[in-house]
Amino acid sequence: MATGPEMFAALKSAMTSRPTENPFRVNSIDAKDLGKLTAAHLVSMGFDEDVADRVSAELLNGGLETLGRHLGRALVIDRDAGPL
């Protein structure tokens, strides 16, 4: 299991290496690790506080839509997706 910041770094790296995959698929285990991101983590990564609060709350509930919108890619949970 990765920390939230580690998984965020892995997500950004994977999105860079697979730029044409849209929507970008994230497996459920990695999505749970992304759920460990706190608003404070996100602010330290350059997110606006309001956006960080919304993204963090949504991640805790298993959603990736707001994070994906902020990153400029649709993110979906796909249990068949490979690990980041």
PDB file of N, CA and C in Angstrom:
ATOM      1  N   MET A   1       0.848  -1.174   0.000  1.00  0.00           N
ATOM      2  CA  MET A   1       0.000   0.000   0.000  1.00  0.00           C
ATOM      3  C   MET A   1       0.891   1.233   0.000  1.00  0.00           C
ATOM      4  N   ALA A   2       0.519   2.183  -0.826  1.00  0.00           N
ATOM      5  CA  ALA A   2       1.265   3.427  -0.939  1.00  0.00           C
ATOM      6  C   ALA A   2       0.585   4.522  -0.133  1.00  0.00           C
ATOM      7  N   THR A   3       1.352   5.544   0.171  1.00  0.00           N
ATOM      8  CA  THR A   3       0.750   6.722   0.801  1.00  0.00           C
ATOM      9  C   THR A   3       0.009   7.504  -0.281  1.00  0.00           C
ATOM     10  N   GLY A   4      -0.830   8.424   0.149  1.00  0.00           N
ATOM     11  CA  GLY A   4      -1.546   9.254  -0.812  1.00  0.00           C
ATOM     12  C   GLY A   4      -0.615  10.028  -1.729  1.00  0.00           C
ATOM     13  N   PRO A   5       0.380  10.735  -1.170  1.00  0.00           N
ATOM     14  CA  PRO A   5       1.309  11.462  -2.033  1.00  0.00           C
ATOM     15  C   PRO A   5       2.105  10.566  -2.982  1.00  0.00           C
ATOM     16  N   GLU A   6       2.483   9.371  -2.518  1.00  0.00           N
ATOM     17  CA  GLU A   6       3.189   8.441  -3.404  1.00  0.00           C
ATOM     18  C   GLU A   6       2.293   8.014  -4.568  1.00  0.00           C
ATOM     19  N   MET A   7       1.024   7.755  -4.274  1.00  0.00           N
ATOM     20  CA  MET A   7       0.112   7.327  -5.324  1.00  0.00           C
ATOM     21  C   MET A   7      -0.185   8.470  -6.289  1.00  0.00           C
ATOM     22  N   PHE A   8      -0.270   9.687  -5.771  1.00  0.00           N
ATOM     23  CA  PHE A   8      -0.494  10.848  -6.634  1.00  0.00           C
ATOM     24  C   PHE A   8       0.689  11.005  -7.603  1.00  0.00           C
ATOM     25  N   ALA A   9       1.913  10.856  -7.093  1.00  0.00           N
ATOM     26  CA  ALA A   9       3.101  10.941  -7.947  1.00  0.00           C
ATOM     27  C   ALA A   9       3.079   9.837  -9.007  1.00  0.00           C
ATOM     28  N   ALA A  10       2.679   8.632  -8.609  1.00  0.00           N
ATOM     29  CA  ALA A  10       2.595   7.514  -9.554  1.00  0.00           C
ATOM     30  C   ALA A  10       1.529   7.788 -10.615  1.00  0.00           C
ATOM     31  N   LEU A  11       0.403   8.364 -10.207  1.00  0.00           N
ATOM     32  CA  LEU A  11      -0.670   8.703 -11.144  1.00  0.00           C
ATOM     33  C   LEU A  11      -0.179   9.719 -12.163  1.00  0.00           C
ATOM     34  N   LYS A  12       0.455  10.783 -11.690  1.00  0.00           N
ATOM     35  CA  LYS A  12       0.944  11.819 -12.612  1.00  0.00           C
ATOM     36  C   LYS A  12       1.980  11.241 -13.574  1.00  0.00           C
ATOM     37  N   SER A  13       2.853  10.391 -13.075  1.00  0.00           N
ATOM     38  CA  SER A  13       3.861   9.768 -13.928  1.00  0.00           C
ATOM     39  C   SER A  13       3.211   8.874 -14.983  1.00  0.00           C
ATOM     40  N   ALA A  14       2.251   8.072 -14.560  1.00  0.00           N
ATOM     41  CA  ALA A  14       1.565   7.174 -15.495  1.00  0.00           C
ATOM     42  C   ALA A  14       0.778   7.963 -16.533  1.00  0.00           C
ATOM     43  N   MET A  15       0.170   9.062 -16.126  1.00  0.00           N
ATOM     44  CA  MET A  15      -0.584   9.887 -17.070  1.00  0.00           C
ATOM     45  C   MET A  15       0.351  10.505 -18.106  1.00  0.00           C
ATOM     46  N   THR A  16       1.561  10.818 -17.700  1.00  0.00           N
ATOM     47  CA  THR A  16       2.540  11.386 -18.628  1.00  0.00           C
ATOM     48  C   THR A  16       3.017  10.335 -19.623  1.00  0.00           C
ATOM     49  N   SER A  17       3.206   9.110 -19.136  1.00  0.00           N
ATOM     50  CA  SER A  17       3.708   8.052 -20.012  1.00  0.00           C
ATOM     51  C   SER A  17       2.621   7.451 -20.896  1.00  0.00           C
ATOM     52  N   ARG A  18       1.361   7.679 -20.540  1.00  0.00           N
ATOM     53  CA  ARG A  18       0.242   7.174 -21.353  1.00  0.00           C
ATOM     54  C   ARG A  18      -0.693   8.338 -21.686  1.00  0.00           C
ATOM     55  N   PRO A  19      -0.204   9.315 -22.449  1.00  0.00           N
ATOM     56  CA  PRO A  19      -0.974  10.543 -22.654  1.00  0.00           C
ATOM     57  C   PRO A  19      -2.244  10.385 -23.478  1.00  0.00           C
ATOM     58  N   THR A  20      -2.360   9.333 -24.272  1.00  0.00           N
ATOM     59  CA  THR A  20      -3.537   9.216 -25.132  1.00  0.00           C
ATOM     60  C   THR A  20      -4.664   8.416 -24.500  1.00  0.00           C
ATOM     61  N   GLU A  21      -4.412   7.795 -23.384  1.00  0.00           N
ATOM     62  CA  GLU A  21      -5.452   6.994 -22.742  1.00  0.00           C
ATOM     63  C   GLU A  21      -6.467   7.921 -22.081  1.00  0.00           C
ATOM     64  N   ASN A  22      -7.652   7.982 -22.653  1.00  0.00           N
ATOM     65  CA  ASN A  22      -8.699   8.840 -22.092  1.00  0.00           C
ATOM     66  C   ASN A  22     -10.023   8.125 -22.230  1.00  0.00           C
ATOM     67  N   PRO A  23     -10.761   7.870 -21.196  1.00  0.00           N
ATOM     68  CA  PRO A  23     -10.420   8.262 -19.835  1.00  0.00           C
ATOM     69  C   PRO A  23      -9.268   7.416 -19.297  1.00  0.00           C
ATOM     70  N   PHE A  24      -8.595   7.977 -18.334  1.00  0.00           N
ATOM     71  CA  PHE A  24      -7.478   7.275 -17.722  1.00  0.00           C
ATOM     72  C   PHE A  24      -8.035   6.331 -16.664  1.00  0.00           C
ATOM     73  N   ARG A  25      -7.659   5.071 -16.734  1.00  0.00           N
ATOM     74  CA  ARG A  25      -8.207   4.040 -15.847  1.00  0.00           C
ATOM     75  C   ARG A  25      -7.285   3.788 -14.657  1.00  0.00           C
ATOM     76  N   VAL A  26      -7.902   3.760 -13.489  1.00  0.00           N
ATOM     77  CA  VAL A  26      -7.186   3.544 -12.228  1.00  0.00           C
ATOM     78  C   VAL A  26      -7.808   2.334 -11.549  1.00  0.00           C
ATOM     79  N   ASN A  27      -6.976   1.385 -11.124  1.00  0.00           N
ATOM     80  CA  ASN A  27      -7.575   0.223 -10.461  1.00  0.00           C
ATOM     81  C   ASN A  27      -8.077   0.605  -9.061  1.00  0.00           C
ATOM     82  N   SER A  28      -8.904  -0.231  -8.500  1.00  0.00           N
ATOM     83  CA  SER A  28      -9.561   0.101  -7.234  1.00  0.00           C
ATOM     84  C   SER A  28      -8.588   0.203  -6.061  1.00  0.00           C
ATOM     85  N   ILE A  29      -7.520  -0.567  -6.079  1.00  0.00           N
ATOM     86  CA  ILE A  29      -6.533  -0.488  -4.992  1.00  0.00           C
ATOM     87  C   ILE A  29      -5.816   0.857  -5.040  1.00  0.00           C
ATOM     88  N   ASP A  30      -5.406   1.268  -6.239  1.00  0.00           N
ATOM     89  CA  ASP A  30      -4.747   2.566  -6.376  1.00  0.00           C
ATOM     90  C   ASP A  30      -5.713   3.704  -6.045  1.00  0.00           C
ATOM     91  N   ALA A  31      -6.973   3.550  -6.403  1.00  0.00           N
ATOM     92  CA  ALA A  31      -7.967   4.576  -6.075  1.00  0.00           C
ATOM     93  C   ALA A  31      -8.104   4.705  -4.555  1.00  0.00           C
ATOM     94  N   LYS A  32      -8.062   3.583  -3.844  1.00  0.00           N
ATOM     95  CA  LYS A  32      -8.131   3.642  -2.379  1.00  0.00           C
ATOM     96  C   LYS A  32      -6.912   4.355  -1.809  1.00  0.00           C
ATOM     97  N   ASP A  33      -5.748   4.101  -2.393  1.00  0.00           N
ATOM     98  CA  ASP A  33      -4.546   4.805  -1.942  1.00  0.00           C
ATOM     99  C   ASP A  33      -4.638   6.300  -2.237  1.00  0.00           C
ATOM    100  N   LEU A  34      -5.226   6.671  -3.359  1.00  0.00           N
ATOM    101  CA  LEU A  34      -5.437   8.093  -3.640  1.00  0.00           C
ATOM    102  C   LEU A  34      -6.365   8.707  -2.596  1.00  0.00           C
ATOM    103  N   GLY A  35      -7.256   7.897  -2.055  1.00  0.00           N
ATOM    104  CA  GLY A  35      -8.168   8.364  -1.012  1.00  0.00           C
ATOM    105  C   GLY A  35      -7.462   8.767   0.266  1.00  0.00           C
ATOM    106  N   LYS A  36      -6.188   8.432   0.390  1.00  0.00           N
ATOM    107  CA  LYS A  36      -5.411   8.832   1.563  1.00  0.00           C
ATOM    108  C   LYS A  36      -4.912  10.269   1.466  1.00  0.00           C
ATOM    109  N   LEU A  37      -5.075  10.879   0.284  1.00  0.00           N
ATOM    110  CA  LEU A  37      -4.645  12.271   0.128  1.00  0.00           C
ATOM    111  C   LEU A  37      -5.523  13.182   0.979  1.00  0.00           C
ATOM    112  N   THR A  38      -4.892  14.002   1.758  1.00  0.00           N
ATOM    113  CA  THR A  38      -5.624  14.979   2.560  1.00  0.00           C
ATOM    114  C   THR A  38      -5.612  16.315   1.834  1.00  0.00           C
ATOM    115  N   ALA A  39      -6.466  17.208   2.274  1.00  0.00           N
ATOM    116  CA  ALA A  39      -6.471  18.559   1.709  1.00  0.00           C
ATOM    117  C   ALA A  39      -5.102  19.201   1.900  1.00  0.00           C
ATOM    118  N   ALA A  40      -4.470  18.965   3.044  1.00  0.00           N
ATOM    119  CA  ALA A  40      -3.141  19.532   3.300  1.00  0.00           C
ATOM    120  C   ALA A  40      -2.111  19.000   2.303  1.00  0.00           C
ATOM    121  N   HIS A  41      -2.173  17.706   1.976  1.00  0.00           N
ATOM    122  CA  HIS A  41      -1.273  17.154   0.962  1.00  0.00           C
ATOM    123  C   HIS A  41      -1.467  17.894  -0.354  1.00  0.00           C
ATOM    124  N   LEU A  42      -2.739  18.027  -0.738  1.00  0.00           N
ATOM    125  CA  LEU A  42      -3.050  18.626  -2.033  1.00  0.00           C
ATOM    126  C   LEU A  42      -2.633  20.088  -2.097  1.00  0.00           C
ATOM    127  N   VAL A  43      -2.833  20.822  -1.017  1.00  0.00           N
ATOM    128  CA  VAL A  43      -2.400  22.226  -0.981  1.00  0.00           C
ATOM    129  C   VAL A  43      -0.884  22.298  -1.140  1.00  0.00           C
ATOM    130  N   SER A  44      -0.163  21.394  -0.483  1.00  0.00           N
ATOM    131  CA  SER A  44       1.295  21.401  -0.594  1.00  0.00           C
ATOM    132  C   SER A  44       1.761  21.062  -2.008  1.00  0.00           C
ATOM    133  N   MET A  45       0.873  20.450  -2.806  1.00  0.00           N
ATOM    134  CA  MET A  45       1.191  20.109  -4.192  1.00  0.00           C
ATOM    135  C   MET A  45       0.717  21.180  -5.170  1.00  0.00           C
ATOM    136  N   GLY A  46       0.201  22.282  -4.621  1.00  0.00           N
ATOM    137  CA  GLY A  46      -0.180  23.398  -5.478  1.00  0.00           C
ATOM    138  C   GLY A  46      -1.665  23.567  -5.732  1.00  0.00           C
ATOM    139  N   PHE A  47      -2.499  22.747  -5.113  1.00  0.00           N
ATOM    140  CA  PHE A  47      -3.942  22.884  -5.283  1.00  0.00           C
ATOM    141  C   PHE A  47      -4.438  24.080  -4.469  1.00  0.00           C
ATOM    142  N   ASP A  48      -5.416  24.780  -4.987  1.00  0.00           N
ATOM    143  CA  ASP A  48      -6.110  25.821  -4.244  1.00  0.00           C
ATOM    144  C   ASP A  48      -6.813  25.159  -3.060  1.00  0.00           C
ATOM    145  N   GLU A  49      -6.926  25.854  -1.935  1.00  0.00           N
ATOM    146  CA  GLU A  49      -7.522  25.248  -0.729  1.00  0.00           C
ATOM    147  C   GLU A  49      -8.940  24.745  -0.958  1.00  0.00           C
ATOM    148  N   ASP A  50      -9.774  25.522  -1.656  1.00  0.00           N
ATOM    149  CA  ASP A  50     -11.153  25.084  -1.908  1.00  0.00           C
ATOM    150  C   ASP A  50     -11.183  23.829  -2.767  1.00  0.00           C
ATOM    151  N   VAL A  51     -10.363  23.808  -3.797  1.00  0.00           N
ATOM    152  CA  VAL A  51     -10.290  22.631  -4.674  1.00  0.00           C
ATOM    153  C   VAL A  51      -9.760  21.445  -3.881  1.00  0.00           C
ATOM    154  N   ALA A  52      -8.732  21.667  -3.075  1.00  0.00           N
ATOM    155  CA  ALA A  52      -8.150  20.590  -2.269  1.00  0.00           C
ATOM    156  C   ALA A  52      -9.196  19.980  -1.338  1.00  0.00           C
ATOM    157  N   ASP A  53     -10.007  20.826  -0.718  1.00  0.00           N
ATOM    158  CA  ASP A  53     -11.064  20.323   0.165  1.00  0.00           C
ATOM    159  C   ASP A  53     -12.058  19.464  -0.607  1.00  0.00           C
ATOM    160  N   ARG A  54     -12.466  19.925  -1.792  1.00  0.00           N
ATOM    161  CA  ARG A  54     -13.435  19.169  -2.602  1.00  0.00           C
ATOM    162  C   ARG A  54     -12.837  17.856  -3.087  1.00  0.00           C
ATOM    163  N   VAL A  55     -11.598  17.903  -3.578  1.00  0.00           N
ATOM    164  CA  VAL A  55     -10.948  16.696  -4.083  1.00  0.00           C
ATOM    165  C   VAL A  55     -10.779  15.682  -2.954  1.00  0.00           C
ATOM    166  N   SER A  56     -10.299  16.135  -1.813  1.00  0.00           N
ATOM    167  CA  SER A  56     -10.075  15.234  -0.683  1.00  0.00           C
ATOM    168  C   SER A  56     -11.372  14.572  -0.234  1.00  0.00           C
ATOM    169  N   ALA A  57     -12.432  15.355  -0.115  1.00  0.00           N
ATOM    170  CA  ALA A  57     -13.724  14.803   0.308  1.00  0.00           C
ATOM    171  C   ALA A  57     -14.235  13.781  -0.705  1.00  0.00           C
ATOM    172  N   GLU A  58     -14.102  14.083  -1.980  1.00  0.00           N
ATOM    173  CA  GLU A  58     -14.574  13.166  -3.009  1.00  0.00           C
ATOM    174  C   GLU A  58     -13.747  11.877  -3.009  1.00  0.00           C
ATOM    175  N   LEU A  59     -12.424  12.007  -2.850  1.00  0.00           N
ATOM    176  CA  LEU A  59     -11.567  10.822  -2.817  1.00  0.00           C
ATOM    177  C   LEU A  59     -11.929   9.908  -1.654  1.00  0.00           C
ATOM    178  N   LEU A  60     -12.271  10.497  -0.516  1.00  0.00           N
ATOM    179  CA  LEU A  60     -12.675   9.685   0.641  1.00  0.00           C
ATOM    180  C   LEU A  60     -13.922   8.869   0.350  1.00  0.00           C
ATOM    181  N   ASN A  61     -14.750   9.384  -0.555  1.00  0.00           N
ATOM    182  CA  ASN A  61     -15.976   8.675  -0.933  1.00  0.00           C
ATOM    183  C   ASN A  61     -15.791   7.820  -2.183  1.00  0.00           C
ATOM    184  N   GLY A  62     -14.538   7.681  -2.630  1.00  0.00           N
ATOM    185  CA  GLY A  62     -14.252   6.806  -3.768  1.00  0.00           C
ATOM    186  C   GLY A  62     -14.379   7.448  -5.129  1.00  0.00           C
ATOM    187  N   GLY A  63     -14.552   8.754  -5.195  1.00  0.00           N
ATOM    188  CA  GLY A  63     -14.713   9.432  -6.474  1.00  0.00           C
ATOM    189  C   GLY A  63     -13.419  10.052  -6.978  1.00  0.00           C
ATOM    190  N   LEU A  64     -13.277  10.075  -8.293  1.00  0.00           N
ATOM    191  CA  LEU A  64     -12.079  10.628  -8.916  1.00  0.00           C
ATOM    192  C   LEU A  64     -12.387  11.792  -9.857  1.00  0.00           C
ATOM    193  N   GLU A  65     -13.640  12.150  -9.991  1.00  0.00           N
ATOM    194  CA  GLU A  65     -14.042  13.133 -11.000  1.00  0.00           C
ATOM    195  C   GLU A  65     -13.372  14.491 -10.809  1.00  0.00           C
ATOM    196  N   THR A  66     -13.417  15.033  -9.608  1.00  0.00           N
ATOM    197  CA  THR A  66     -12.856  16.362  -9.370  1.00  0.00           C
ATOM    198  C   THR A  66     -11.346  16.353  -9.524  1.00  0.00           C
ATOM    199  N   LEU A  67     -10.678  15.319  -9.045  1.00  0.00           N
ATOM    200  CA  LEU A  67      -9.237  15.207  -9.217  1.00  0.00           C
ATOM    201  C   LEU A  67      -8.903  15.154 -10.707  1.00  0.00           C
ATOM    202  N   GLY A  68      -9.628  14.337 -11.437  1.00  0.00           N
ATOM    203  CA  GLY A  68      -9.394  14.232 -12.874  1.00  0.00           C
ATOM    204  C   GLY A  68      -9.618  15.550 -13.591  1.00  0.00           C
ATOM    205  N   ARG A  69     -10.667  16.251 -13.221  1.00  0.00           N
ATOM    206  CA  ARG A  69     -10.952  17.545 -13.839  1.00  0.00           C
ATOM    207  C   ARG A  69      -9.797  18.510 -13.586  1.00  0.00           C
ATOM    208  N   HIS A  70      -9.259  18.487 -12.365  1.00  0.00           N
ATOM    209  CA  HIS A  70      -8.143  19.367 -12.039  1.00  0.00           C
ATOM    210  C   HIS A  70      -6.884  18.985 -12.826  1.00  0.00           C
ATOM    211  N   LEU A  71      -6.701  17.705 -13.082  1.00  0.00           N
ATOM    212  CA  LEU A  71      -5.529  17.233 -13.818  1.00  0.00           C
ATOM    213  C   LEU A  71      -5.728  17.275 -15.331  1.00  0.00           C
ATOM    214  N   GLY A  72      -6.939  17.594 -15.768  1.00  0.00           N
ATOM    215  CA  GLY A  72      -7.202  17.709 -17.198  1.00  0.00           C
ATOM    216  C   GLY A  72      -7.484  16.403 -17.910  1.00  0.00           C
ATOM    217  N   ARG A  73      -7.829  15.365 -17.169  1.00  0.00           N
ATOM    218  CA  ARG A  73      -8.143  14.059 -17.741  1.00  0.00           C
ATOM    219  C   ARG A  73      -9.294  13.437 -16.979  1.00  0.00           C
ATOM    220  N   ALA A  74     -10.151  12.744 -17.673  1.00  0.00           N
ATOM    221  CA  ALA A  74     -11.182  11.975 -17.000  1.00  0.00           C
ATOM    222  C   ALA A  74     -10.514  10.774 -16.344  1.00  0.00           C
ATOM    223  N   LEU A  75     -10.816  10.547 -15.070  1.00  0.00           N
ATOM    224  CA  LEU A  75     -10.297   9.397 -14.340  1.00  0.00           C
ATOM    225  C   LEU A  75     -11.459   8.493 -13.977  1.00  0.00           C
ATOM    226  N   VAL A  76     -11.305   7.209 -14.253  1.00  0.00           N
ATOM    227  CA  VAL A  76     -12.340   6.244 -13.904  1.00  0.00           C
ATOM    228  C   VAL A  76     -11.708   5.071 -13.181  1.00  0.00           C
ATOM    229  N   ILE A  77     -12.482   4.486 -12.295  1.00  0.00           N
ATOM    230  CA  ILE A  77     -12.025   3.283 -11.585  1.00  0.00           C
ATOM    231  C   ILE A  77     -12.396   2.077 -12.430  1.00  0.00           C
ATOM    232  N   ASP A  78     -11.398   1.255 -12.705  1.00  0.00           N
ATOM    233  CA  ASP A  78     -11.576   0.062 -13.522  1.00  0.00           C
ATOM    234  C   ASP A  78     -10.835  -1.071 -12.832  1.00  0.00           C
ATOM    235  N   ARG A  79     -11.578  -2.042 -12.336  1.00  0.00           N
ATOM    236  CA  ARG A  79     -10.937  -3.117 -11.575  1.00  0.00           C
ATOM    237  C   ARG A  79      -9.959  -3.921 -12.410  1.00  0.00           C
ATOM    238  N   ASP A  80     -10.038  -3.830 -13.732  1.00  0.00           N
ATOM    239  CA  ASP A  80      -9.123  -4.566 -14.598  1.00  0.00           C
ATOM    240  C   ASP A  80      -7.887  -3.751 -14.994  1.00  0.00           C
ATOM    241  N   ALA A  81      -7.826  -2.492 -14.560  1.00  0.00           N
ATOM    242  CA  ALA A  81      -6.665  -1.654 -14.895  1.00  0.00           C
ATOM    243  C   ALA A  81      -5.446  -2.164 -14.133  1.00  0.00           C
ATOM    244  N   GLY A  82      -4.296  -2.025 -14.739  1.00  0.00           N
ATOM    245  CA  GLY A  82      -3.054  -2.432 -14.096  1.00  0.00           C
ATOM    246  C   GLY A  82      -2.674  -1.446 -13.000  1.00  0.00           C
ATOM    247  N   PRO A  83      -1.723  -1.813 -12.176  1.00  0.00           N
ATOM    248  CA  PRO A  83      -1.295  -0.909 -11.112  1.00  0.00           C
ATOM    249  C   PRO A  83      -0.520   0.281 -11.678  1.00  0.00           C
ATOM    250  N   LEU A  84      -0.601   1.371 -10.961  1.00  0.00           N
ATOM    251  CA  LEU A  84       0.153   2.551 -11.374  1.00  0.00           C
ATOM    252  C   LEU A  84       1.613   2.339 -11.036  1.00  0.00           C
TER     253      LEU A  84
END
